[in-house]
Amino acid sequence: MSANAILENVRRYRTIASLCRQTAAFRSAQKWTLLEQAYEWERRAISELEGYFAIAMADPVGISLPLRDVWQD
């Protein structure tokens, strides 16, 4: 999976988590279920980011990842 695809997945997962939290604010009967779902989407996003950075650190000389230029001095 490409770096851009991973970052796009992270963006989508965090958007879904945000929608779950917003919905929980208005639906008190389902609040805890929605907050649990938000937590799971955030966990997926973190997992994707961990994989992204593991790849980035394994290839320190490559320039295949978009954030590579930010890290170099």
PDB file of N, CA and C in Angstrom:
ATOM      1  N   MET A   1       0.846  -1.173   0.000  1.00  0.00           N
ATOM      2  CA  MET A   1       0.000   0.000   0.000  1.00  0.00           C
ATOM      3  C   MET A   1       0.894   1.239   0.000  1.00  0.00           C
ATOM      4  N   SER A   2       0.545   2.201  -0.790  1.00  0.00           N
ATOM      5  CA  SER A   2       1.364   3.408  -0.884  1.00  0.00           C
ATOM      6  C   SER A   2       1.171   4.304   0.334  1.00  0.00           C
ATOM      7  N   ALA A   3       2.117   5.192   0.517  1.00  0.00           N
ATOM      8  CA  ALA A   3       2.057   6.117   1.651  1.00  0.00           C
ATOM      9  C   ALA A   3       0.818   7.011   1.563  1.00  0.00           C
ATOM     10  N   ASN A   4       0.499   7.465   0.371  1.00  0.00           N
ATOM     11  CA  ASN A   4      -0.681   8.318   0.218  1.00  0.00           C
ATOM     12  C   ASN A   4      -1.958   7.570   0.568  1.00  0.00           C
ATOM     13  N   ALA A   5      -2.033   6.290   0.216  1.00  0.00           N
ATOM     14  CA  ALA A   5      -3.215   5.487   0.544  1.00  0.00           C
ATOM     15  C   ALA A   5      -3.331   5.307   2.054  1.00  0.00           C
ATOM     16  N   ILE A   6      -2.204   5.088   2.713  1.00  0.00           N
ATOM     17  CA  ILE A   6      -2.217   4.935   4.172  1.00  0.00           C
ATOM     18  C   ILE A   6      -2.705   6.217   4.828  1.00  0.00           C
ATOM     19  N   LEU A   7      -2.172   7.349   4.393  1.00  0.00           N
ATOM     20  CA  LEU A   7      -2.585   8.630   4.981  1.00  0.00           C
ATOM     21  C   LEU A   7      -4.049   8.941   4.681  1.00  0.00           C
ATOM     22  N   GLU A   8      -4.526   8.539   3.517  1.00  0.00           N
ATOM     23  CA  GLU A   8      -5.946   8.723   3.186  1.00  0.00           C
ATOM     24  C   GLU A   8      -6.816   7.866   4.105  1.00  0.00           C
ATOM     25  N   ASN A   9      -6.393   6.645   4.374  1.00  0.00           N
ATOM     26  CA  ASN A   9      -7.133   5.788   5.308  1.00  0.00           C
ATOM     27  C   ASN A   9      -7.186   6.421   6.688  1.00  0.00           C
ATOM     28  N   VAL A  10      -6.074   6.968   7.140  1.00  0.00           N
ATOM     29  CA  VAL A  10      -6.039   7.623   8.448  1.00  0.00           C
ATOM     30  C   VAL A  10      -7.036   8.780   8.479  1.00  0.00           C
ATOM     31  N   ARG A  11      -7.051   9.566   7.432  1.00  0.00           N
ATOM     32  CA  ARG A  11      -7.988  10.694   7.362  1.00  0.00           C
ATOM     33  C   ARG A  11      -9.431  10.203   7.428  1.00  0.00           C
ATOM     34  N   ARG A  12      -9.736   9.152   6.688  1.00  0.00           N
ATOM     35  CA  ARG A  12     -11.101   8.610   6.687  1.00  0.00           C
ATOM     36  C   ARG A  12     -11.482   8.055   8.058  1.00  0.00           C
ATOM     37  N   TYR A  13     -10.585   7.296   8.670  1.00  0.00           N
ATOM     38  CA  TYR A  13     -10.871   6.706   9.975  1.00  0.00           C
ATOM     39  C   TYR A  13     -11.124   7.785  11.015  1.00  0.00           C
ATOM     40  N   ARG A  14     -10.316   8.843  10.997  1.00  0.00           N
ATOM     41  CA  ARG A  14     -10.487   9.913  11.981  1.00  0.00           C
ATOM     42  C   ARG A  14     -11.765  10.703  11.720  1.00  0.00           C
ATOM     43  N   THR A  15     -12.161  10.825  10.457  1.00  0.00           N
ATOM     44  CA  THR A  15     -13.423  11.494  10.128  1.00  0.00           C
ATOM     45  C   THR A  15     -14.606  10.695  10.659  1.00  0.00           C
ATOM     46  N   ILE A  16     -14.564   9.379  10.473  1.00  0.00           N
ATOM     47  CA  ILE A  16     -15.638   8.524  10.978  1.00  0.00           C
ATOM     48  C   ILE A  16     -15.696   8.602  12.505  1.00  0.00           C
ATOM     49  N   ALA A  17     -14.553   8.584  13.158  1.00  0.00           N
ATOM     50  CA  ALA A  17     -14.512   8.689  14.623  1.00  0.00           C
ATOM     51  C   ALA A  17     -15.128  10.010  15.077  1.00  0.00           C
ATOM     52  N   SER A  18     -14.810  11.074  14.380  1.00  0.00           N
ATOM     53  CA  SER A  18     -15.361  12.380  14.721  1.00  0.00           C
ATOM     54  C   SER A  18     -16.886  12.395  14.568  1.00  0.00           C
ATOM     55  N   LEU A  19     -17.374  11.798  13.501  1.00  0.00           N
ATOM     56  CA  LEU A  19     -18.827  11.731  13.292  1.00  0.00           C
ATOM     57  C   LEU A  19     -19.504  10.917  14.394  1.00  0.00           C
ATOM     58  N   CYS A  20     -18.855   9.845  14.827  1.00  0.00           N
ATOM     59  CA  CYS A  20     -19.403   9.040  15.927  1.00  0.00           C
ATOM     60  C   CYS A  20     -19.501   9.878  17.203  1.00  0.00           C
ATOM     61  N   ARG A  21     -18.458  10.638  17.495  1.00  0.00           N
ATOM     62  CA  ARG A  21     -18.473  11.480  18.706  1.00  0.00           C
ATOM     63  C   ARG A  21     -19.539  12.573  18.607  1.00  0.00           C
ATOM     64  N   GLN A  22     -19.669  13.174  17.431  1.00  0.00           N
ATOM     65  CA  GLN A  22     -20.678  14.219  17.251  1.00  0.00           C
ATOM     66  C   GLN A  22     -22.086  13.647  17.416  1.00  0.00           C
ATOM     67  N   THR A  23     -22.301  12.472  16.842  1.00  0.00           N
ATOM     68  CA  THR A  23     -23.612  11.832  16.949  1.00  0.00           C
ATOM     69  C   THR A  23     -23.905  11.456  18.395  1.00  0.00           C
ATOM     70  N   ALA A  24     -22.897  11.014  19.123  1.00  0.00           N
ATOM     71  CA  ALA A  24     -23.076  10.643  20.534  1.00  0.00           C
ATOM     72  C   ALA A  24     -23.561  11.832  21.359  1.00  0.00           C
ATOM     73  N   ALA A  25     -23.163  13.022  20.974  1.00  0.00           N
ATOM     74  CA  ALA A  25     -23.576  14.215  21.708  1.00  0.00           C
ATOM     75  C   ALA A  25     -25.084  14.460  21.596  1.00  0.00           C
ATOM     76  N   PHE A  26     -25.698  13.960  20.524  1.00  0.00           N
ATOM     77  CA  PHE A  26     -27.120  14.218  20.298  1.00  0.00           C
ATOM     78  C   PHE A  26     -28.007  13.001  20.544  1.00  0.00           C
ATOM     79  N   ARG A  27     -27.413  11.838  20.694  1.00  0.00           N
ATOM     80  CA  ARG A  27     -28.199  10.610  20.909  1.00  0.00           C
ATOM     81  C   ARG A  27     -27.774   9.962  22.222  1.00  0.00           C
ATOM     82  N   SER A  28     -28.367  10.411  23.282  1.00  0.00           N
ATOM     83  CA  SER A  28     -27.960   9.944  24.605  1.00  0.00           C
ATOM     84  C   SER A  28     -28.207   8.448  24.794  1.00  0.00           C
ATOM     85  N   ALA A  29     -29.220   7.897  24.144  1.00  0.00           N
ATOM     86  CA  ALA A  29     -29.521   6.479  24.305  1.00  0.00           C
ATOM     87  C   ALA A  29     -28.411   5.597  23.705  1.00  0.00           C
ATOM     88  N   GLN A  30     -27.757   6.079  22.668  1.00  0.00           N
ATOM     89  CA  GLN A  30     -26.700   5.302  22.006  1.00  0.00           C
ATOM     90  C   GLN A  30     -25.312   5.857  22.281  1.00  0.00           C
ATOM     91  N   LYS A  31     -25.208   6.764  23.221  1.00  0.00           N
ATOM     92  CA  LYS A  31     -23.960   7.489  23.462  1.00  0.00           C
ATOM     93  C   LYS A  31     -22.760   6.567  23.668  1.00  0.00           C
ATOM     94  N   TRP A  32     -22.886   5.591  24.549  1.00  0.00           N
ATOM     95  CA  TRP A  32     -21.735   4.747  24.873  1.00  0.00           C
ATOM     96  C   TRP A  32     -21.338   3.841  23.715  1.00  0.00           C
ATOM     97  N   THR A  33     -22.310   3.373  22.976  1.00  0.00           N
ATOM     98  CA  THR A  33     -21.999   2.554  21.798  1.00  0.00           C
ATOM     99  C   THR A  33     -21.269   3.390  20.754  1.00  0.00           C
ATOM    100  N   LEU A  34     -21.734   4.602  20.537  1.00  0.00           N
ATOM    101  CA  LEU A  34     -21.100   5.474  19.555  1.00  0.00           C
ATOM    102  C   LEU A  34     -19.696   5.882  19.989  1.00  0.00           C
ATOM    103  N   LEU A  35     -19.510   6.142  21.280  1.00  0.00           N
ATOM    104  CA  LEU A  35     -18.174   6.489  21.762  1.00  0.00           C
ATOM    105  C   LEU A  35     -17.221   5.298  21.658  1.00  0.00           C
ATOM    106  N   GLU A  36     -17.745   4.106  21.864  1.00  0.00           N
ATOM    107  CA  GLU A  36     -16.930   2.901  21.691  1.00  0.00           C
ATOM    108  C   GLU A  36     -16.514   2.745  20.230  1.00  0.00           C
ATOM    109  N   GLN A  37     -17.440   3.012  19.314  1.00  0.00           N
ATOM    110  CA  GLN A  37     -17.119   2.956  17.888  1.00  0.00           C
ATOM    111  C   GLN A  37     -16.069   4.011  17.527  1.00  0.00           C
ATOM    112  N   ALA A  38     -16.205   5.201  18.082  1.00  0.00           N
ATOM    113  CA  ALA A  38     -15.226   6.268  17.826  1.00  0.00           C
ATOM    114  C   ALA A  38     -13.844   5.827  18.292  1.00  0.00           C
ATOM    115  N   TYR A  39     -13.791   5.213  19.461  1.00  0.00           N
ATOM    116  CA  TYR A  39     -12.520   4.725  19.989  1.00  0.00           C
ATOM    117  C   TYR A  39     -11.896   3.703  19.042  1.00  0.00           C
ATOM    118  N   GLU A  40     -12.702   2.794  18.530  1.00  0.00           N
ATOM    119  CA  GLU A  40     -12.193   1.767  17.615  1.00  0.00           C
ATOM    120  C   GLU A  40     -11.678   2.377  16.307  1.00  0.00           C
ATOM    121  N   TRP A  41     -12.371   3.382  15.773  1.00  0.00           N
ATOM    122  CA  TRP A  41     -11.893   4.044  14.553  1.00  0.00           C
ATOM    123  C   TRP A  41     -10.588   4.780  14.810  1.00  0.00           C
ATOM    124  N   GLU A  42     -10.466   5.424  15.968  1.00  0.00           N
ATOM    125  CA  GLU A  42      -9.212   6.097  16.312  1.00  0.00           C
ATOM    126  C   GLU A  42      -8.082   5.086  16.464  1.00  0.00           C
ATOM    127  N   ARG A  43      -8.395   3.933  17.041  1.00  0.00           N
ATOM    128  CA  ARG A  43      -7.395   2.879  17.202  1.00  0.00           C
ATOM    129  C   ARG A  43      -6.909   2.394  15.836  1.00  0.00           C
ATOM    130  N   ARG A  44      -7.827   2.264  14.888  1.00  0.00           N
ATOM    131  CA  ARG A  44      -7.443   1.873  13.522  1.00  0.00           C
ATOM    132  C   ARG A  44      -6.536   2.926  12.889  1.00  0.00           C
ATOM    133  N   ALA A  45      -6.873   4.190  13.098  1.00  0.00           N
ATOM    134  CA  ALA A  45      -6.058   5.272  12.541  1.00  0.00           C
ATOM    135  C   ALA A  45      -4.653   5.240  13.123  1.00  0.00           C
ATOM    136  N   ILE A  46      -4.542   5.037  14.425  1.00  0.00           N
ATOM    137  CA  ILE A  46      -3.227   4.973  15.066  1.00  0.00           C
ATOM    138  C   ILE A  46      -2.433   3.789  14.545  1.00  0.00           C
ATOM    139  N   SER A  47      -3.103   2.671  14.367  1.00  0.00           N
ATOM    140  CA  SER A  47      -2.442   1.479  13.840  1.00  0.00           C
ATOM    141  C   SER A  47      -1.882   1.732  12.435  1.00  0.00           C
ATOM    142  N   GLU A  48      -2.671   2.403  11.607  1.00  0.00           N
ATOM    143  CA  GLU A  48      -2.207   2.747  10.254  1.00  0.00           C
ATOM    144  C   GLU A  48      -0.993   3.676  10.317  1.00  0.00           C
ATOM    145  N   LEU A  49      -1.053   4.676  11.206  1.00  0.00           N
ATOM    146  CA  LEU A  49       0.073   5.609  11.342  1.00  0.00           C
ATOM    147  C   LEU A  49       1.332   4.907  11.848  1.00  0.00           C
ATOM    148  N   GLU A  50       1.158   3.985  12.768  1.00  0.00           N
ATOM    149  CA  GLU A  50       2.316   3.236  13.259  1.00  0.00           C
ATOM    150  C   GLU A  50       2.961   2.454  12.128  1.00  0.00           C
ATOM    151  N   GLY A  51       2.139   1.840  11.274  1.00  0.00           N
ATOM    152  CA  GLY A  51       2.663   1.124  10.120  1.00  0.00           C
ATOM    153  C   GLY A  51       3.365   2.054   9.147  1.00  0.00           C
ATOM    154  N   TYR A  52       2.784   3.219   8.945  1.00  0.00           N
ATOM    155  CA  TYR A  52       3.364   4.215   8.044  1.00  0.00           C
ATOM    156  C   TYR A  52       4.760   4.626   8.518  1.00  0.00           C
ATOM    157  N   PHE A  53       4.865   4.940   9.811  1.00  0.00           N
ATOM    158  CA  PHE A  53       6.157   5.387  10.330  1.00  0.00           C
ATOM    159  C   PHE A  53       7.160   4.249  10.448  1.00  0.00           C
ATOM    160  N   ALA A  54       6.686   3.039  10.656  1.00  0.00           N
ATOM    161  CA  ALA A  54       7.594   1.887  10.660  1.00  0.00           C
ATOM    162  C   ALA A  54       8.245   1.730   9.289  1.00  0.00           C
ATOM    163  N   ILE A  55       7.464   1.916   8.251  1.00  0.00           N
ATOM    164  CA  ILE A  55       8.005   1.855   6.884  1.00  0.00           C
ATOM    165  C   ILE A  55       8.970   3.013   6.654  1.00  0.00           C
ATOM    166  N   ALA A  56       8.593   4.201   7.113  1.00  0.00           N
ATOM    167  CA  ALA A  56       9.433   5.387   6.918  1.00  0.00           C
ATOM    168  C   ALA A  56      10.782   5.232   7.604  1.00  0.00           C
ATOM    169  N   MET A  57      10.783   4.677   8.798  1.00  0.00           N
ATOM    170  CA  MET A  57      12.038   4.520   9.541  1.00  0.00           C
ATOM    171  C   MET A  57      12.882   3.370   8.995  1.00  0.00           C
ATOM    172  N   ALA A  58      12.253   2.398   8.365  1.00  0.00           N
ATOM    173  CA  ALA A  58      12.986   1.266   7.795  1.00  0.00           C
ATOM    174  C   ALA A  58      13.705   1.664   6.510  1.00  0.00           C
ATOM    175  N   ASP A  59      13.291   2.766   5.897  1.00  0.00           N
ATOM    176  CA  ASP A  59      13.862   3.205   4.624  1.00  0.00           C
ATOM    177  C   ASP A  59      14.349   4.649   4.759  1.00  0.00           C
ATOM    178  N   PRO A  60      15.375   4.913   5.580  1.00  0.00           N
ATOM    179  CA  PRO A  60      15.780   6.296   5.846  1.00  0.00           C
ATOM    180  C   PRO A  60      16.367   7.037   4.647  1.00  0.00           C
ATOM    181  N   VAL A  61      16.892   6.334   3.656  1.00  0.00           N
ATOM    182  CA  VAL A  61      17.468   7.015   2.506  1.00  0.00           C
ATOM    183  C   VAL A  61      16.497   7.166   1.354  1.00  0.00           C
ATOM    184  N   GLY A  62      15.407   6.450   1.415  1.00  0.00           N
ATOM    185  CA  GLY A  62      14.424   6.537   0.339  1.00  0.00           C
ATOM    186  C   GLY A  62      13.650   7.834   0.397  1.00  0.00           C
ATOM    187  N   ILE A  63      13.065   8.208  -0.709  1.00  0.00           N
ATOM    188  CA  ILE A  63      12.237   9.416  -0.749  1.00  0.00           C
ATOM    189  C   ILE A  63      10.830   9.062  -1.199  1.00  0.00           C
ATOM    190  N   SER A  64      10.439   7.815  -0.962  1.00  0.00           N
ATOM    191  CA  SER A  64       9.151   7.347  -1.443  1.00  0.00           C
ATOM    192  C   SER A  64       7.982   7.795  -0.580  1.00  0.00           C
ATOM    193  N   LEU A  65       8.238   8.291   0.614  1.00  0.00           N
ATOM    194  CA  LEU A  65       7.158   8.699   1.494  1.00  0.00           C
ATOM    195  C   LEU A  65       7.042  10.221   1.512  1.00  0.00           C
ATOM    196  N   PRO A  66       5.829  10.746   1.484  1.00  0.00           N
ATOM    197  CA  PRO A  66       5.619  12.192   1.388  1.00  0.00           C
ATOM    198  C   PRO A  66       6.226  13.012   2.523  1.00  0.00           C
ATOM    199  N   LEU A  67       6.332  12.470   3.724  1.00  0.00           N
ATOM    200  CA  LEU A  67       6.843  13.251   4.844  1.00  0.00           C
ATOM    201  C   LEU A  67       8.365  13.229   4.940  1.00  0.00           C
ATOM    202  N   ARG A  68       9.020  12.532   4.043  1.00  0.00           N
ATOM    203  CA  ARG A  68      10.478  12.380   4.109  1.00  0.00           C
ATOM    204  C   ARG A  68      11.177  13.747   4.125  1.00  0.00           C
ATOM    205  N   ASP A  69      10.755  14.707   3.307  1.00  0.00           N
ATOM    206  CA  ASP A  69      11.421  16.003   3.237  1.00  0.00           C
ATOM    207  C   ASP A  69      11.295  16.787   4.542  1.00  0.00           C
ATOM    208  N   VAL A  70      10.228  16.577   5.279  1.00  0.00           N
ATOM    209  CA  VAL A  70      10.018  17.296   6.534  1.00  0.00           C
ATOM    210  C   VAL A  70      11.049  16.855   7.569  1.00  0.00           C
ATOM    211  N   TRP A  71      11.445  15.581   7.547  1.00  0.00           N
ATOM    212  CA  TRP A  71      12.337  15.043   8.565  1.00  0.00           C
ATOM    213  C   TRP A  71      13.799  15.357   8.312  1.00  0.00           C
ATOM    214  N   GLN A  72      14.176  15.638   7.083  1.00  0.00           N
ATOM    215  CA  GLN A  72      15.593  15.850   6.772  1.00  0.00           C
ATOM    216  C   GLN A  72      15.996  17.276   7.121  1.00  0.00           C
ATOM    217  N   ASP A  73      17.234  17.419   7.592  1.00  0.00           N
ATOM    218  CA  ASP A  73      17.757  18.756   7.926  1.00  0.00           C
ATOM    219  C   ASP A  73      18.328  19.434   6.696  1.00  0.00           C
TER     220      ASP A  73
END
